Amino acid sequence: MTFTDLLLYAGTFVFAITGALKARAHKMDILGGSVLAFATAYGGGTVRDLLIGIRVGWMNDNIPLLLVITAVIVVFLFKNNIHAFEKTIFFTDAVGLGLFTAGGIERSLAHGISEPYSIVLGVMSATFGGLIADLLSGRQPSLLQKGELYATASAAGGVVYLILKHLHIGNNICLAVCVAFVVLIRIISRKQKIELPHI
């Protein structure tokens, strides 16, 4: 298991917690929470792999299932203090966004996808899990709502990631800079209330 794998598993756990929190907001039972947690954590990567035409990665890996179960249990056990816990979700979600952006781009490039479309697939890897979870829970997808930069932050981080790779900088450094860049954009866009122009 590589360092990148460990970081991606951490991102998976973070997104699974986010999905479980959405389920709690909709007063779902523990099964519903598990479904939303798994959809949030692995929905984007699943769509990416299907579009590339390769076997879905988590189908040969038991760790994602354990991470989802653990995330649901954590949210269940800390439900009395969930408001304090939610304050960290914005930052951990931003880190997960960066991790899955870089991971999605890497996986796409490894299977012969061009760089522009690898960025598209990287953004899908990072954002479509939340989109699927929102659709399953019957709410307007947050990805499509007016608000601070989210998919845009992912795309910008992806561009930075590819530029660094072209400069032959170490992969772990590329990954770390990508994550930091995405987190920075998310923080700035929220504090400064930066939004994309309306159509």
N, C-alpha and C. Protein backbone atom coordinates (compact mmCIF):
# COMPACT_ATOMS: atom_id res chain seq x y z
N MET A 1 0.85 -1.19 0.00
CA MET A 1 0.00 0.00 0.00
C MET A 1 0.88 1.25 0.00
N THR A 2 0.62 2.15 -0.94
CA THR A 2 1.43 3.35 -1.07
C THR A 2 0.90 4.48 -0.18
N PHE A 3 1.69 5.55 -0.07
CA PHE A 3 1.28 6.71 0.69
C PHE A 3 0.02 7.33 0.08
N THR A 4 -0.02 7.34 -1.25
CA THR A 4 -1.20 7.87 -1.95
C THR A 4 -2.44 7.07 -1.61
N ASP A 5 -2.32 5.74 -1.54
CA ASP A 5 -3.45 4.89 -1.17
C ASP A 5 -3.96 5.26 0.22
N LEU A 6 -3.05 5.49 1.15
CA LEU A 6 -3.45 5.85 2.52
C LEU A 6 -4.20 7.17 2.54
N LEU A 7 -3.72 8.14 1.77
CA LEU A 7 -4.39 9.43 1.72
C LEU A 7 -5.78 9.31 1.09
N LEU A 8 -5.90 8.49 0.06
CA LEU A 8 -7.19 8.30 -0.59
C LEU A 8 -8.18 7.57 0.32
N TYR A 9 -7.67 6.63 1.11
CA TYR A 9 -8.54 5.98 2.09
C TYR A 9 -9.02 6.98 3.14
N ALA A 10 -8.12 7.90 3.52
CA ALA A 10 -8.52 8.94 4.47
C ALA A 10 -9.62 9.82 3.87
N GLY A 11 -9.46 10.15 2.59
CA GLY A 11 -10.48 10.92 1.91
C GLY A 11 -11.79 10.17 1.82
N THR A 12 -11.72 8.87 1.62
CA THR A 12 -12.91 8.03 1.57
C THR A 12 -13.65 8.08 2.91
N PHE A 13 -12.90 7.99 4.00
CA PHE A 13 -13.51 8.03 5.33
C PHE A 13 -14.19 9.38 5.57
N VAL A 14 -13.52 10.46 5.15
CA VAL A 14 -14.08 11.80 5.33
C VAL A 14 -15.39 11.95 4.56
N PHE A 15 -15.40 11.52 3.31
CA PHE A 15 -16.61 11.63 2.51
C PHE A 15 -17.71 10.71 3.03
N ALA A 16 -17.34 9.56 3.58
CA ALA A 16 -18.35 8.67 4.17
C ALA A 16 -19.00 9.33 5.38
N ILE A 17 -18.22 10.03 6.18
CA ILE A 17 -18.77 10.78 7.32
C ILE A 17 -19.72 11.86 6.82
N THR A 18 -19.33 12.56 5.76
CA THR A 18 -20.19 13.60 5.20
C THR A 18 -21.53 13.01 4.77
N GLY A 19 -21.49 11.85 4.12
CA GLY A 19 -22.73 11.19 3.70
C GLY A 19 -23.59 10.78 4.87
N ALA A 20 -22.96 10.27 5.92
CA ALA A 20 -23.70 9.87 7.12
C ALA A 20 -24.34 11.07 7.80
N LEU A 21 -23.64 12.21 7.78
CA LEU A 21 -24.19 13.44 8.36
C LEU A 21 -25.41 13.91 7.56
N LYS A 22 -25.36 13.76 6.24
CA LYS A 22 -26.52 14.11 5.41
C LYS A 22 -27.71 13.23 5.78
N ALA A 23 -27.44 11.94 5.99
CA ALA A 23 -28.50 11.02 6.37
C ALA A 23 -29.11 11.41 7.71
N ARG A 24 -28.26 11.82 8.63
CA ARG A 24 -28.75 12.24 9.94
C ARG A 24 -29.61 13.49 9.83
N ALA A 25 -29.22 14.41 8.94
CA ALA A 25 -30.00 15.62 8.74
C ALA A 25 -31.39 15.30 8.20
N HIS A 26 -31.51 14.18 7.47
CA HIS A 26 -32.79 13.76 6.92
C HIS A 26 -33.48 12.72 7.80
N LYS A 27 -32.92 12.51 9.00
CA LYS A 27 -33.50 11.59 9.98
C LYS A 27 -33.69 10.18 9.42
N MET A 28 -32.68 9.69 8.70
CA MET A 28 -32.70 8.33 8.18
C MET A 28 -32.24 7.35 9.25
N ASP A 29 -32.54 6.07 9.04
CA ASP A 29 -32.05 5.05 9.96
C ASP A 29 -30.62 4.69 9.59
N ILE A 30 -30.06 3.74 10.32
CA ILE A 30 -28.64 3.43 10.13
C ILE A 30 -28.37 2.80 8.76
N LEU A 31 -29.37 2.11 8.19
CA LEU A 31 -29.20 1.55 6.84
C LEU A 31 -29.14 2.67 5.82
N GLY A 32 -30.06 3.63 5.94
CA GLY A 32 -30.04 4.78 5.04
C GLY A 32 -28.74 5.55 5.16
N GLY A 33 -28.26 5.68 6.40
CA GLY A 33 -26.99 6.36 6.62
C GLY A 33 -25.83 5.65 5.94
N SER A 34 -25.86 4.33 5.98
CA SER A 34 -24.80 3.54 5.35
C SER A 34 -24.83 3.71 3.83
N VAL A 35 -26.04 3.73 3.26
CA VAL A 35 -26.18 3.89 1.81
C VAL A 35 -25.65 5.25 1.37
N LEU A 36 -26.04 6.31 2.09
CA LEU A 36 -25.57 7.64 1.72
C LEU A 36 -24.07 7.80 1.94
N ALA A 37 -23.56 7.17 3.01
CA ALA A 37 -22.12 7.24 3.28
C ALA A 37 -21.34 6.58 2.15
N PHE A 38 -21.80 5.41 1.72
CA PHE A 38 -21.10 4.71 0.64
C PHE A 38 -21.22 5.46 -0.68
N ALA A 39 -22.42 6.00 -0.96
CA ALA A 39 -22.62 6.75 -2.20
C ALA A 39 -21.73 7.97 -2.25
N THR A 40 -21.62 8.69 -1.13
CA THR A 40 -20.80 9.89 -1.08
C THR A 40 -19.32 9.55 -1.25
N ALA A 41 -18.89 8.48 -0.60
CA ALA A 41 -17.47 8.11 -0.63
C ALA A 41 -17.03 7.53 -1.96
N TYR A 42 -17.90 6.74 -2.61
CA TYR A 42 -17.46 6.00 -3.79
C TYR A 42 -18.28 6.23 -5.05
N GLY A 43 -19.29 7.11 -4.96
CA GLY A 43 -20.11 7.37 -6.15
C GLY A 43 -19.31 7.98 -7.28
N GLY A 44 -18.51 9.00 -6.98
CA GLY A 44 -17.74 9.67 -8.01
C GLY A 44 -16.71 8.77 -8.67
N GLY A 45 -15.99 8.00 -7.86
CA GLY A 45 -14.99 7.08 -8.41
C GLY A 45 -15.62 5.98 -9.25
N THR A 46 -16.82 5.55 -8.85
CA THR A 46 -17.51 4.52 -9.61
C THR A 46 -17.91 5.03 -10.99
N VAL A 47 -18.48 6.24 -11.03
CA VAL A 47 -18.86 6.85 -12.31
C VAL A 47 -17.62 7.02 -13.20
N ARG A 48 -16.53 7.47 -12.61
CA ARG A 48 -15.29 7.65 -13.36
C ARG A 48 -14.81 6.35 -13.98
N ASP A 49 -14.75 5.29 -13.18
CA ASP A 49 -14.27 4.00 -13.68
C ASP A 49 -15.17 3.45 -14.78
N LEU A 50 -16.48 3.63 -14.63
CA LEU A 50 -17.41 3.16 -15.65
C LEU A 50 -17.22 3.92 -16.96
N LEU A 51 -16.98 5.23 -16.87
CA LEU A 51 -16.76 6.02 -18.08
C LEU A 51 -15.44 5.65 -18.76
N ILE A 52 -14.43 5.35 -17.95
CA ILE A 52 -13.15 4.92 -18.52
C ILE A 52 -13.27 3.54 -19.15
N GLY A 53 -14.17 2.72 -18.60
CA GLY A 53 -14.37 1.37 -19.12
C GLY A 53 -13.50 0.35 -18.42
N ILE A 54 -13.25 0.54 -17.13
CA ILE A 54 -12.43 -0.39 -16.36
C ILE A 54 -13.24 -0.93 -15.18
N ARG A 55 -12.73 -2.00 -14.58
CA ARG A 55 -13.40 -2.59 -13.43
C ARG A 55 -13.39 -1.59 -12.27
N VAL A 56 -14.55 -1.43 -11.64
CA VAL A 56 -14.68 -0.50 -10.52
C VAL A 56 -13.75 -0.93 -9.39
N GLY A 57 -12.89 0.01 -8.96
CA GLY A 57 -11.82 -0.32 -8.02
C GLY A 57 -12.26 -0.94 -6.71
N TRP A 58 -13.32 -0.40 -6.07
CA TRP A 58 -13.69 -0.86 -4.74
C TRP A 58 -14.28 -2.26 -4.72
N MET A 59 -14.62 -2.80 -5.88
CA MET A 59 -15.24 -4.13 -5.91
C MET A 59 -14.27 -5.24 -5.53
N ASN A 60 -12.97 -4.95 -5.57
CA ASN A 60 -11.96 -5.94 -5.16
C ASN A 60 -11.28 -5.54 -3.86
N ASP A 61 -11.92 -4.65 -3.09
CA ASP A 61 -11.27 -4.09 -1.91
C ASP A 61 -12.28 -4.02 -0.77
N ASN A 62 -11.97 -4.67 0.34
CA ASN A 62 -12.88 -4.68 1.49
C ASN A 62 -12.71 -3.45 2.39
N ILE A 63 -11.61 -2.74 2.23
CA ILE A 63 -11.35 -1.59 3.10
C ILE A 63 -12.43 -0.52 2.98
N PRO A 64 -12.91 -0.19 1.75
CA PRO A 64 -13.96 0.83 1.65
C PRO A 64 -15.20 0.49 2.48
N LEU A 65 -15.60 -0.76 2.48
CA LEU A 65 -16.77 -1.17 3.25
C LEU A 65 -16.53 -0.95 4.74
N LEU A 66 -15.34 -1.29 5.21
CA LEU A 66 -15.00 -1.08 6.61
C LEU A 66 -14.97 0.41 6.96
N LEU A 67 -14.47 1.23 6.04
CA LEU A 67 -14.43 2.67 6.27
C LEU A 67 -15.83 3.26 6.36
N VAL A 68 -16.72 2.78 5.49
CA VAL A 68 -18.10 3.28 5.51
C VAL A 68 -18.78 2.90 6.82
N ILE A 69 -18.63 1.65 7.21
CA ILE A 69 -19.24 1.18 8.46
C ILE A 69 -18.70 1.97 9.65
N THR A 70 -17.38 2.19 9.66
CA THR A 70 -16.76 2.95 10.75
C THR A 70 -17.28 4.38 10.78
N ALA A 71 -17.41 5.00 9.61
CA ALA A 71 -17.90 6.37 9.54
C ALA A 71 -19.32 6.49 10.09
N VAL A 72 -20.17 5.53 9.72
CA VAL A 72 -21.56 5.54 10.20
C VAL A 72 -21.59 5.37 11.71
N ILE A 73 -20.75 4.48 12.23
CA ILE A 73 -20.69 4.26 13.69
C ILE A 73 -20.22 5.51 14.41
N VAL A 74 -19.20 6.19 13.84
CA VAL A 74 -18.68 7.41 14.45
C VAL A 74 -19.77 8.47 14.54
N VAL A 75 -20.49 8.68 13.44
CA VAL A 75 -21.57 9.68 13.44
C VAL A 75 -22.66 9.29 14.43
N PHE A 76 -22.96 7.99 14.50
CA PHE A 76 -23.99 7.52 15.44
C PHE A 76 -23.57 7.76 16.89
N LEU A 77 -22.32 7.42 17.20
CA LEU A 77 -21.84 7.54 18.58
C LEU A 77 -21.71 8.99 19.04
N PHE A 78 -21.37 9.88 18.11
CA PHE A 78 -21.15 11.27 18.47
C PHE A 78 -22.34 12.16 18.11
N LYS A 79 -23.52 11.56 17.96
CA LYS A 79 -24.66 12.36 17.50
C LYS A 79 -25.06 13.43 18.50
N ASN A 80 -24.78 13.25 19.78
CA ASN A 80 -25.12 14.28 20.76
C ASN A 80 -24.20 15.50 20.67
N ASN A 81 -23.01 15.29 20.10
CA ASN A 81 -22.06 16.40 19.94
C ASN A 81 -21.81 16.71 18.47
N ILE A 82 -22.80 16.42 17.64
CA ILE A 82 -22.58 16.46 16.20
C ILE A 82 -22.36 17.88 15.69
N HIS A 83 -22.93 18.89 16.39
CA HIS A 83 -22.77 20.26 15.91
C HIS A 83 -21.31 20.70 16.03
N ALA A 84 -20.66 20.33 17.12
CA ALA A 84 -19.24 20.64 17.27
C ALA A 84 -18.42 19.86 16.24
N PHE A 85 -18.84 18.63 15.97
CA PHE A 85 -18.13 17.79 15.03
C PHE A 85 -18.26 18.32 13.60
N GLU A 86 -19.42 18.89 13.27
CA GLU A 86 -19.67 19.37 11.91
C GLU A 86 -18.76 20.52 11.53
N LYS A 87 -18.23 21.23 12.52
CA LYS A 87 -17.36 22.37 12.22
C LYS A 87 -16.08 21.92 11.51
N THR A 88 -15.70 20.68 11.74
CA THR A 88 -14.48 20.19 11.09
C THR A 88 -14.75 19.62 9.70
N ILE A 89 -16.03 19.38 9.39
CA ILE A 89 -16.37 18.72 8.14
C ILE A 89 -16.00 19.58 6.93
N PHE A 90 -16.18 20.89 7.04
CA PHE A 90 -15.83 21.76 5.91
C PHE A 90 -14.38 21.57 5.51
N PHE A 91 -13.47 21.55 6.50
CA PHE A 91 -12.05 21.44 6.19
C PHE A 91 -11.68 20.04 5.75
N THR A 92 -12.21 19.02 6.42
CA THR A 92 -11.89 17.65 6.02
C THR A 92 -12.49 17.34 4.65
N ASP A 93 -13.67 17.89 4.37
CA ASP A 93 -14.29 17.68 3.07
C ASP A 93 -13.45 18.34 1.97
N ALA A 94 -12.90 19.51 2.28
CA ALA A 94 -12.04 20.19 1.31
C ALA A 94 -10.78 19.37 1.03
N VAL A 95 -10.21 18.76 2.08
CA VAL A 95 -9.05 17.89 1.91
C VAL A 95 -9.42 16.68 1.05
N GLY A 96 -10.57 16.07 1.35
CA GLY A 96 -11.03 14.94 0.55
C GLY A 96 -11.25 15.33 -0.90
N LEU A 97 -11.77 16.54 -1.12
CA LEU A 97 -11.99 17.04 -2.47
C LEU A 97 -10.67 17.08 -3.24
N GLY A 98 -9.62 17.59 -2.60
CA GLY A 98 -8.31 17.64 -3.25
C GLY A 98 -7.73 16.26 -3.50
N LEU A 99 -7.87 15.37 -2.52
CA LEU A 99 -7.33 14.02 -2.66
C LEU A 99 -7.97 13.27 -3.81
N PHE A 100 -9.29 13.34 -3.91
CA PHE A 100 -9.99 12.61 -4.96
C PHE A 100 -9.82 13.26 -6.32
N THR A 101 -9.59 14.57 -6.34
CA THR A 101 -9.29 15.24 -7.61
C THR A 101 -7.99 14.68 -8.18
N ALA A 102 -6.94 14.71 -7.36
CA ALA A 102 -5.63 14.21 -7.82
C ALA A 102 -5.68 12.72 -8.12
N GLY A 103 -6.34 11.95 -7.24
CA GLY A 103 -6.44 10.51 -7.47
C GLY A 103 -7.20 10.17 -8.73
N GLY A 104 -8.28 10.91 -8.99
CA GLY A 104 -9.07 10.67 -10.19
C GLY A 104 -8.30 11.00 -11.46
N ILE A 105 -7.52 12.07 -11.41
CA ILE A 105 -6.69 12.44 -12.56
C ILE A 105 -5.63 11.39 -12.81
N GLU A 106 -4.97 10.95 -11.75
CA GLU A 106 -3.93 9.92 -11.90
C GLU A 106 -4.48 8.65 -12.52
N ARG A 107 -5.62 8.20 -12.00
CA ARG A 107 -6.22 6.96 -12.50
C ARG A 107 -6.63 7.11 -13.96
N SER A 108 -7.14 8.29 -14.33
CA SER A 108 -7.56 8.53 -15.71
C SER A 108 -6.36 8.55 -16.65
N LEU A 109 -5.30 9.25 -16.26
CA LEU A 109 -4.10 9.30 -17.09
C LEU A 109 -3.50 7.91 -17.27
N ALA A 110 -3.53 7.11 -16.21
CA ALA A 110 -2.95 5.76 -16.27
C ALA A 110 -3.69 4.88 -17.27
N HIS A 111 -4.92 5.22 -17.61
CA HIS A 111 -5.70 4.42 -18.56
C HIS A 111 -5.88 5.14 -19.89
N GLY A 112 -4.97 6.06 -20.20
CA GLY A 112 -4.91 6.64 -21.52
C GLY A 112 -5.86 7.79 -21.80
N ILE A 113 -6.45 8.38 -20.78
CA ILE A 113 -7.34 9.52 -20.97
C ILE A 113 -6.50 10.78 -21.16
N SER A 114 -6.91 11.66 -22.08
CA SER A 114 -6.16 12.89 -22.32
C SER A 114 -6.21 13.80 -21.10
N GLU A 115 -5.26 14.71 -21.02
CA GLU A 115 -5.16 15.57 -19.84
C GLU A 115 -6.41 16.43 -19.59
N PRO A 116 -6.98 17.09 -20.62
CA PRO A 116 -8.19 17.88 -20.34
C PRO A 116 -9.33 17.03 -19.77
N TYR A 117 -9.54 15.85 -20.35
CA TYR A 117 -10.62 15.00 -19.86
C TYR A 117 -10.26 14.32 -18.55
N SER A 118 -8.97 14.17 -18.28
CA SER A 118 -8.58 13.62 -16.98
C SER A 118 -8.95 14.60 -15.87
N ILE A 119 -8.88 15.90 -16.15
CA ILE A 119 -9.31 16.89 -15.17
C ILE A 119 -10.81 16.78 -14.94
N VAL A 120 -11.56 16.62 -16.04
CA VAL A 120 -13.02 16.45 -15.92
C VAL A 120 -13.35 15.24 -15.06
N LEU A 121 -12.66 14.13 -15.32
CA LEU A 121 -12.90 12.91 -14.54
C LEU A 121 -12.43 13.06 -13.10
N GLY A 122 -11.36 13.85 -12.88
CA GLY A 122 -10.91 14.12 -11.52
C GLY A 122 -11.96 14.89 -10.74
N VAL A 123 -12.57 15.89 -11.39
CA VAL A 123 -13.63 16.66 -10.75
C VAL A 123 -14.83 15.76 -10.46
N MET A 124 -15.17 14.90 -11.40
CA MET A 124 -16.28 13.97 -11.19
C MET A 124 -16.00 13.03 -10.03
N SER A 125 -14.77 12.56 -9.93
CA SER A 125 -14.38 11.67 -8.83
C SER A 125 -14.60 12.35 -7.49
N ALA A 126 -14.31 13.65 -7.44
CA ALA A 126 -14.36 14.39 -6.19
C ALA A 126 -15.75 14.90 -5.83
N THR A 127 -16.62 15.08 -6.82
CA THR A 127 -17.89 15.75 -6.56
C THR A 127 -19.14 14.91 -6.80
N PHE A 128 -19.06 13.88 -7.64
CA PHE A 128 -20.28 13.17 -8.03
C PHE A 128 -20.82 12.27 -6.92
N GLY A 129 -19.98 11.89 -5.95
CA GLY A 129 -20.49 11.11 -4.83
C GLY A 129 -21.51 11.90 -4.04
N GLY A 130 -21.18 13.18 -3.76
CA GLY A 130 -22.11 14.05 -3.06
C GLY A 130 -23.36 14.31 -3.88
N LEU A 131 -23.19 14.43 -5.20
CA LEU A 131 -24.33 14.63 -6.10
C LEU A 131 -25.29 13.45 -6.03
N ILE A 132 -24.75 12.24 -6.09
CA ILE A 132 -25.58 11.04 -6.02
C ILE A 132 -26.29 10.94 -4.67
N ALA A 133 -25.55 11.24 -3.60
CA ALA A 133 -26.15 11.19 -2.26
C ALA A 133 -27.30 12.18 -2.13
N ASP A 134 -27.13 13.39 -2.68
CA ASP A 134 -28.20 14.38 -2.63
C ASP A 134 -29.43 13.90 -3.40
N LEU A 135 -29.22 13.30 -4.56
CA LEU A 135 -30.34 12.80 -5.35
C LEU A 135 -31.07 11.67 -4.62
N LEU A 136 -30.31 10.79 -3.97
CA LEU A 136 -30.91 9.69 -3.23
C LEU A 136 -31.73 10.18 -2.04
N SER A 137 -31.29 11.29 -1.44
CA SER A 137 -31.99 11.81 -0.26
C SER A 137 -33.09 12.81 -0.62
N GLY A 138 -33.29 13.03 -1.93
CA GLY A 138 -34.38 13.87 -2.38
C GLY A 138 -34.17 15.35 -2.17
N ARG A 139 -32.94 15.80 -2.15
CA ARG A 139 -32.65 17.22 -1.98
C ARG A 139 -32.00 17.77 -3.23
N GLN A 140 -32.08 19.09 -3.42
CA GLN A 140 -31.43 19.71 -4.56
C GLN A 140 -29.92 19.52 -4.41
N PRO A 141 -29.26 18.99 -5.43
CA PRO A 141 -27.82 18.74 -5.32
C PRO A 141 -27.05 20.00 -4.97
N SER A 142 -26.25 19.92 -3.92
CA SER A 142 -25.47 21.09 -3.49
C SER A 142 -24.46 21.50 -4.55
N LEU A 143 -24.03 20.53 -5.39
CA LEU A 143 -23.08 20.82 -6.46
C LEU A 143 -23.65 21.85 -7.44
N LEU A 144 -24.99 21.86 -7.59
CA LEU A 144 -25.63 22.74 -8.57
C LEU A 144 -26.23 24.00 -7.95
N GLN A 145 -26.08 24.15 -6.64
CA GLN A 145 -26.65 25.31 -5.97
C GLN A 145 -25.70 26.49 -6.01
N LYS A 146 -26.30 27.68 -5.88
CA LYS A 146 -25.51 28.90 -5.74
C LYS A 146 -24.74 28.82 -4.43
N GLY A 147 -23.49 29.20 -4.46
CA GLY A 147 -22.70 29.15 -3.24
C GLY A 147 -21.22 29.26 -3.53
N GLU A 148 -20.39 29.00 -2.51
CA GLU A 148 -18.94 29.14 -2.68
C GLU A 148 -18.42 28.09 -3.65
N LEU A 149 -17.24 28.34 -4.17
CA LEU A 149 -16.64 27.48 -5.20
C LEU A 149 -16.40 26.08 -4.65
N TYR A 150 -16.83 25.06 -5.40
CA TYR A 150 -16.63 23.67 -4.99
C TYR A 150 -16.02 22.88 -6.14
N ALA A 151 -16.82 22.61 -7.18
CA ALA A 151 -16.27 21.92 -8.35
C ALA A 151 -15.19 22.77 -9.01
N THR A 152 -15.36 24.09 -8.96
CA THR A 152 -14.36 24.99 -9.53
C THR A 152 -13.03 24.86 -8.78
N ALA A 153 -13.10 24.73 -7.46
CA ALA A 153 -11.88 24.54 -6.66
C ALA A 153 -11.20 23.23 -7.04
N SER A 154 -12.01 22.19 -7.27
CA SER A 154 -11.47 20.90 -7.68
C SER A 154 -10.77 21.00 -9.03
N ALA A 155 -11.41 21.68 -9.99
CA ALA A 155 -10.83 21.82 -11.33
C ALA A 155 -9.53 22.62 -11.27
N ALA A 156 -9.51 23.70 -10.49
CA ALA A 156 -8.31 24.52 -10.37
C ALA A 156 -7.17 23.70 -9.75
N GLY A 157 -7.50 22.92 -8.72
CA GLY A 157 -6.49 22.06 -8.11
C GLY A 157 -5.96 21.03 -9.10
N GLY A 158 -6.85 20.53 -9.95
CA GLY A 158 -6.44 19.56 -10.97
C GLY A 158 -5.47 20.16 -11.97
N VAL A 159 -5.71 21.41 -12.37
CA VAL A 159 -4.81 22.09 -13.30
C VAL A 159 -3.44 22.26 -12.66
N VAL A 160 -3.41 22.69 -11.40
CA VAL A 160 -2.15 22.86 -10.68
C VAL A 160 -1.41 21.52 -10.59
N TYR A 161 -2.16 20.46 -10.31
CA TYR A 161 -1.57 19.12 -10.19
C TYR A 161 -0.87 18.71 -11.49
N LEU A 162 -1.53 18.93 -12.63
CA LEU A 162 -0.94 18.55 -13.91
C LEU A 162 0.27 19.42 -14.25
N ILE A 163 0.20 20.70 -13.91
CA ILE A 163 1.35 21.58 -14.17
C ILE A 163 2.56 21.10 -13.39
N LEU A 164 2.35 20.74 -12.13
CA LEU A 164 3.47 20.26 -11.31
C LEU A 164 4.03 18.95 -11.85
N LYS A 165 3.16 18.08 -12.34
CA LYS A 165 3.64 16.81 -12.91
C LYS A 165 4.49 17.06 -14.15
N HIS A 166 4.11 18.07 -14.96
CA HIS A 166 4.89 18.41 -16.14
C HIS A 166 6.25 18.99 -15.76
N LEU A 167 6.34 19.54 -14.56
CA LEU A 167 7.62 20.07 -14.08
C LEU A 167 8.46 18.99 -13.42
N HIS A 168 7.97 17.73 -13.48
CA HIS A 168 8.68 16.57 -12.95
C HIS A 168 8.94 16.67 -11.45
N ILE A 169 7.97 17.23 -10.75
CA ILE A 169 8.04 17.30 -9.30
C ILE A 169 7.51 15.99 -8.73
N GLY A 170 8.04 15.57 -7.60
CA GLY A 170 7.65 14.30 -6.99
C GLY A 170 6.14 14.17 -6.82
N ASN A 171 5.64 12.95 -6.98
CA ASN A 171 4.20 12.72 -6.96
C ASN A 171 3.56 13.11 -5.63
N ASN A 172 4.21 12.78 -4.52
CA ASN A 172 3.65 13.12 -3.22
C ASN A 172 3.58 14.64 -3.02
N ILE A 173 4.57 15.35 -3.55
CA ILE A 173 4.54 16.81 -3.47
C ILE A 173 3.41 17.37 -4.32
N CYS A 174 3.24 16.81 -5.52
CA CYS A 174 2.14 17.23 -6.40
C CYS A 174 0.80 17.04 -5.70
N LEU A 175 0.65 15.90 -5.06
CA LEU A 175 -0.59 15.59 -4.36
C LEU A 175 -0.82 16.57 -3.22
N ALA A 176 0.22 16.83 -2.42
CA ALA A 176 0.09 17.73 -1.28
C ALA A 176 -0.24 19.15 -1.72
N VAL A 177 0.40 19.63 -2.78
CA VAL A 177 0.13 20.98 -3.27
C VAL A 177 -1.28 21.08 -3.82
N CYS A 178 -1.72 20.05 -4.53
CA CYS A 178 -3.09 20.03 -5.07
C CYS A 178 -4.10 20.14 -3.94
N VAL A 179 -3.92 19.33 -2.91
CA VAL A 179 -4.85 19.35 -1.77
C VAL A 179 -4.84 20.72 -1.10
N ALA A 180 -3.64 21.26 -0.86
CA ALA A 180 -3.52 22.56 -0.21
C ALA A 180 -4.17 23.66 -1.04
N PHE A 181 -4.00 23.58 -2.35
CA PHE A 181 -4.57 24.59 -3.25
C PHE A 181 -6.10 24.54 -3.22
N VAL A 182 -6.65 23.33 -3.25
CA VAL A 182 -8.11 23.17 -3.21
C VAL A 182 -8.66 23.70 -1.89
N VAL A 183 -8.01 23.33 -0.78
CA VAL A 183 -8.45 23.80 0.54
C VAL A 183 -8.40 25.33 0.60
N LEU A 184 -7.32 25.91 0.08
CA LEU A 184 -7.17 27.37 0.10
C LEU A 184 -8.29 28.06 -0.67
N ILE A 185 -8.60 27.54 -1.85
CA ILE A 185 -9.68 28.13 -2.65
C ILE A 185 -11.02 28.00 -1.93
N ARG A 186 -11.26 26.84 -1.31
CA ARG A 186 -12.52 26.64 -0.59
C ARG A 186 -12.64 27.63 0.58
N ILE A 187 -11.56 27.82 1.32
CA ILE A 187 -11.60 28.73 2.47
C ILE A 187 -11.80 30.17 2.01
N ILE A 188 -11.04 30.58 1.00
CA ILE A 188 -11.14 31.96 0.51
C ILE A 188 -12.53 32.23 -0.07
N SER A 189 -13.04 31.28 -0.86
CA SER A 189 -14.35 31.49 -1.49
C SER A 189 -15.46 31.59 -0.45
N ARG A 190 -15.33 30.83 0.65
CA ARG A 190 -16.36 30.90 1.69
C ARG A 190 -16.24 32.21 2.48
N LYS A 191 -15.03 32.58 2.88
CA LYS A 191 -14.86 33.79 3.68
C LYS A 191 -15.17 35.06 2.90
N GLN A 192 -14.78 35.05 1.62
CA GLN A 192 -14.99 36.24 0.78
C GLN A 192 -16.29 36.18 0.00
N LYS A 193 -17.04 35.08 0.18
CA LYS A 193 -18.31 34.89 -0.52
C LYS A 193 -18.14 35.02 -2.03
N ILE A 194 -17.11 34.35 -2.55
CA ILE A 194 -16.84 34.37 -3.99
C ILE A 194 -17.70 33.32 -4.69
N GLU A 195 -18.36 33.71 -5.75
CA GLU A 195 -19.22 32.81 -6.51
C GLU A 195 -18.93 32.98 -8.00
N LEU A 196 -19.32 31.97 -8.77
CA LEU A 196 -19.25 32.10 -10.22
C LEU A 196 -20.36 33.03 -10.69
N PRO A 197 -20.18 33.70 -11.83
CA PRO A 197 -21.24 34.57 -12.37
C PRO A 197 -22.50 33.75 -12.68
N HIS A 198 -23.65 34.37 -12.52
CA HIS A 198 -24.91 33.69 -12.82
C HIS A 198 -25.10 33.59 -14.33
N ILE A 199 -25.78 32.56 -14.77
CA ILE A 199 -26.02 32.36 -16.19
C ILE A 199 -27.12 33.30 -16.68
